[in-house]
Amino acid sequence: MKNAITKALSLALILILALSLAACGGKKEAAAANVDLAAVMSEFKLGEEMMSLDLTELNDICFLGLDEADVKQCVAAIHSSGVNCDEIIMIEAKDADAAGRVKAILDDRYQTKLNETENYLPDEYAIIQKCSVTQSGNFVAMIVAPNAAELTEIYKKYVK
């Protein structure tokens, strides 16, 4: 009798453990599926001084070297003056590996902007320092603007 009770308790504990582990191993929800980055950009309500760029223009003007094969969608805008640091780039990469490559390129772009302004444009340098490159799943963004915190919050509503 004691042996049967021990077996039943053991089986119950194994079952509880298995169910507990299964609950923890559930599928993670994909980060922000079906986000229209153009719609996100339109919510930013950027001024007329911001020029919209497609991927080809972005690569040509900013010398980024983004591979079209890595990009599912891309929206970008830069300040037309060439002096202001304002630059917004939002990209959905085709997969996780592509997102890593895109993030590395945008990290380099961010560092270049810091380096270019550090000794010559201290006000712009201070703005850039408060900004960053973010990645959420296959979405990568660099939002550099005086109101970057506000714009980033709008972006995060879509891309979680």
Protein backbone atom coordinates (compact mmCIF):
# COMPACT_ATOMS: atom_id res chain seq x y z
CA MET A 1 0.00 0.00 0.00
CA LYS A 2 2.80 2.40 0.93
CA ASN A 3 4.49 1.64 -2.41
CA ALA A 4 1.31 2.51 -4.38
CA ILE A 5 0.96 5.85 -2.55
CA THR A 6 4.61 6.70 -3.24
CA LYS A 7 4.17 5.88 -6.92
CA ALA A 8 0.99 7.99 -7.13
CA LEU A 9 2.68 10.97 -5.43
CA SER A 10 5.72 10.63 -7.67
CA LEU A 11 3.53 10.52 -10.76
CA ALA A 12 1.56 13.56 -9.55
CA LEU A 13 4.78 15.53 -8.93
CA ILE A 14 6.16 14.60 -12.36
CA LEU A 15 2.89 15.68 -13.97
CA ILE A 16 2.90 19.00 -12.10
CA LEU A 17 6.53 19.62 -13.04
CA ALA A 18 5.86 18.79 -16.70
CA LEU A 19 2.87 21.13 -16.85
CA SER A 20 4.85 23.90 -15.15
CA LEU A 21 7.67 23.61 -17.64
CA ALA A 22 5.28 23.48 -20.57
CA ALA A 23 3.62 26.69 -19.39
CA CYS A 24 6.97 28.50 -19.35
CA GLY A 25 7.94 27.28 -22.80
CA GLY A 26 5.01 28.80 -24.65
CA LYS A 27 5.54 30.59 -27.93
CA LYS A 28 6.66 34.17 -27.57
CA GLU A 29 4.54 36.66 -29.41
CA ALA A 30 6.31 38.07 -32.44
CA ALA A 31 7.30 41.69 -32.03
CA ALA A 32 4.92 44.00 -33.84
CA ALA A 33 3.65 42.15 -36.87
CA ASN A 34 2.11 44.16 -39.72
CA VAL A 35 3.35 47.61 -38.72
CA ASP A 36 3.17 50.22 -41.47
CA LEU A 37 6.25 52.34 -40.83
CA ALA A 38 4.98 55.06 -43.19
CA ALA A 39 1.94 55.44 -40.92
CA VAL A 40 4.22 55.70 -37.90
CA MET A 41 6.27 58.40 -39.65
CA SER A 42 3.10 60.34 -40.51
CA GLU A 43 2.23 60.43 -36.80
CA PHE A 44 5.51 62.23 -36.12
CA LYS A 45 4.15 65.37 -37.82
CA LEU A 46 7.58 66.47 -39.02
CA GLY A 47 8.20 69.98 -40.28
CA GLU A 48 8.72 70.97 -43.92
CA GLU A 49 12.47 71.09 -43.37
CA MET A 50 12.55 67.29 -43.06
CA MET A 51 13.15 65.48 -46.37
CA SER A 52 11.63 62.03 -46.81
CA LEU A 53 13.98 59.44 -48.26
CA ASP A 54 13.50 55.98 -49.67
CA LEU A 55 16.08 53.24 -49.19
CA THR A 56 18.09 54.12 -52.31
CA GLU A 57 18.21 57.83 -51.42
CA LEU A 58 19.09 56.99 -47.82
CA ASN A 59 22.02 54.84 -48.95
CA ASP A 60 23.17 57.51 -51.44
CA ILE A 61 22.94 60.51 -49.10
CA CYS A 62 24.02 58.90 -45.84
CA PHE A 63 26.44 56.33 -47.30
CA LEU A 64 24.88 53.57 -45.22
CA GLY A 65 25.36 50.52 -47.39
CA LEU A 66 22.09 48.87 -46.42
CA ASP A 67 21.41 45.78 -48.52
CA GLU A 68 17.97 45.88 -50.17
CA ALA A 69 17.72 42.12 -49.61
CA ASP A 70 17.79 42.75 -45.84
CA VAL A 71 14.99 45.32 -45.86
CA LYS A 72 11.26 44.59 -45.90
CA GLN A 73 10.26 48.26 -45.46
CA CYS A 74 12.12 51.49 -44.81
CA VAL A 75 11.10 55.05 -44.04
CA ALA A 76 13.54 57.84 -43.40
CA ALA A 77 13.70 61.59 -43.08
CA ILE A 78 16.65 63.92 -42.62
CA HIS A 79 16.86 67.65 -42.01
CA SER A 80 17.34 69.48 -45.30
CA SER A 81 19.81 72.00 -43.88
CA GLY A 82 22.61 69.47 -43.62
CA VAL A 83 23.61 71.14 -40.33
CA ASN A 84 20.83 70.05 -38.01
CA CYS A 85 21.28 66.55 -36.67
CA ASP A 86 17.63 65.54 -37.10
CA GLU A 87 17.50 62.14 -38.75
CA ILE A 88 14.87 59.44 -38.46
CA ILE A 89 15.36 55.98 -39.92
CA MET A 90 12.91 53.15 -39.29
CA ILE A 91 13.45 49.78 -40.92
CA GLU A 92 11.73 46.45 -40.81
CA ALA A 93 14.28 43.80 -41.69
CA LYS A 94 13.33 40.60 -43.49
CA ASP A 95 14.49 38.34 -40.65
CA ALA A 96 16.47 38.28 -37.41
CA ASP A 97 19.87 37.99 -39.11
CA ALA A 98 19.07 40.92 -41.39
CA ALA A 99 17.89 42.94 -38.37
CA GLY A 100 21.27 42.38 -36.74
CA ARG A 101 23.05 43.66 -39.85
CA VAL A 102 20.73 46.68 -40.09
CA LYS A 103 21.26 47.50 -36.41
CA ALA A 104 25.04 47.36 -36.85
CA ILE A 105 24.80 49.80 -39.78
CA LEU A 106 22.55 52.19 -37.85
CA ASP A 107 24.82 51.94 -34.80
CA ASP A 108 27.71 53.00 -37.07
CA ARG A 109 25.61 55.86 -38.48
CA TYR A 110 24.74 57.02 -34.96
CA GLN A 111 28.41 56.96 -33.92
CA THR A 112 29.38 58.87 -37.08
CA LYS A 113 26.83 61.57 -36.25
CA LEU A 114 28.31 61.86 -32.76
CA ASN A 115 31.86 62.06 -34.10
CA GLU A 116 30.96 64.67 -36.74
CA THR A 117 29.34 67.03 -34.24
CA GLU A 118 31.41 66.55 -31.08
CA ASN A 119 33.92 69.34 -31.70
CA TYR A 120 32.04 71.51 -34.20
CA LEU A 121 28.37 71.58 -33.24
CA PRO A 122 28.08 71.17 -29.46
CA ASP A 123 24.32 71.84 -29.39
CA GLU A 124 23.66 69.15 -32.01
CA TYR A 125 26.06 66.80 -30.22
CA ALA A 126 24.05 67.21 -27.01
CA ILE A 127 20.85 66.31 -28.89
CA ILE A 128 22.40 63.20 -30.45
CA GLN A 129 23.73 61.99 -27.09
CA LYS A 130 20.15 61.78 -25.79
CA CYS A 131 19.11 59.57 -28.71
CA SER A 132 19.83 55.97 -29.65
CA VAL A 133 19.35 53.08 -32.03
CA THR A 134 16.70 50.61 -30.91
CA GLN A 135 15.76 47.12 -32.02
CA SER A 136 12.56 45.22 -31.35
CA GLY A 137 12.41 41.94 -33.22
CA ASN A 138 12.96 42.70 -36.90
CA PHE A 139 12.32 46.44 -36.42
CA VAL A 140 15.31 48.75 -36.07
CA ALA A 141 15.12 52.53 -35.64
CA MET A 142 17.39 55.49 -35.17
CA ILE A 143 15.47 58.54 -34.05
CA VAL A 144 17.65 61.63 -33.67
CA ALA A 145 15.77 64.85 -32.96
CA PRO A 146 15.35 67.38 -30.17
CA ASN A 147 12.02 65.68 -29.34
CA ALA A 148 13.37 62.13 -29.77
CA ALA A 149 11.85 60.90 -26.50
CA GLU A 150 8.36 61.88 -27.68
CA LEU A 151 8.89 60.38 -31.15
CA THR A 152 10.30 57.19 -29.66
CA GLU A 153 7.18 56.78 -27.51
CA ILE A 154 5.00 57.07 -30.61
CA TYR A 155 7.20 54.50 -32.37
CA LYS A 156 7.00 52.12 -29.40
CA LYS A 157 3.20 52.18 -29.52
CA TYR A 158 3.45 50.41 -32.86
CA VAL A 159 6.62 48.37 -32.41
CA LYS A 160 6.66 46.53 -29.12
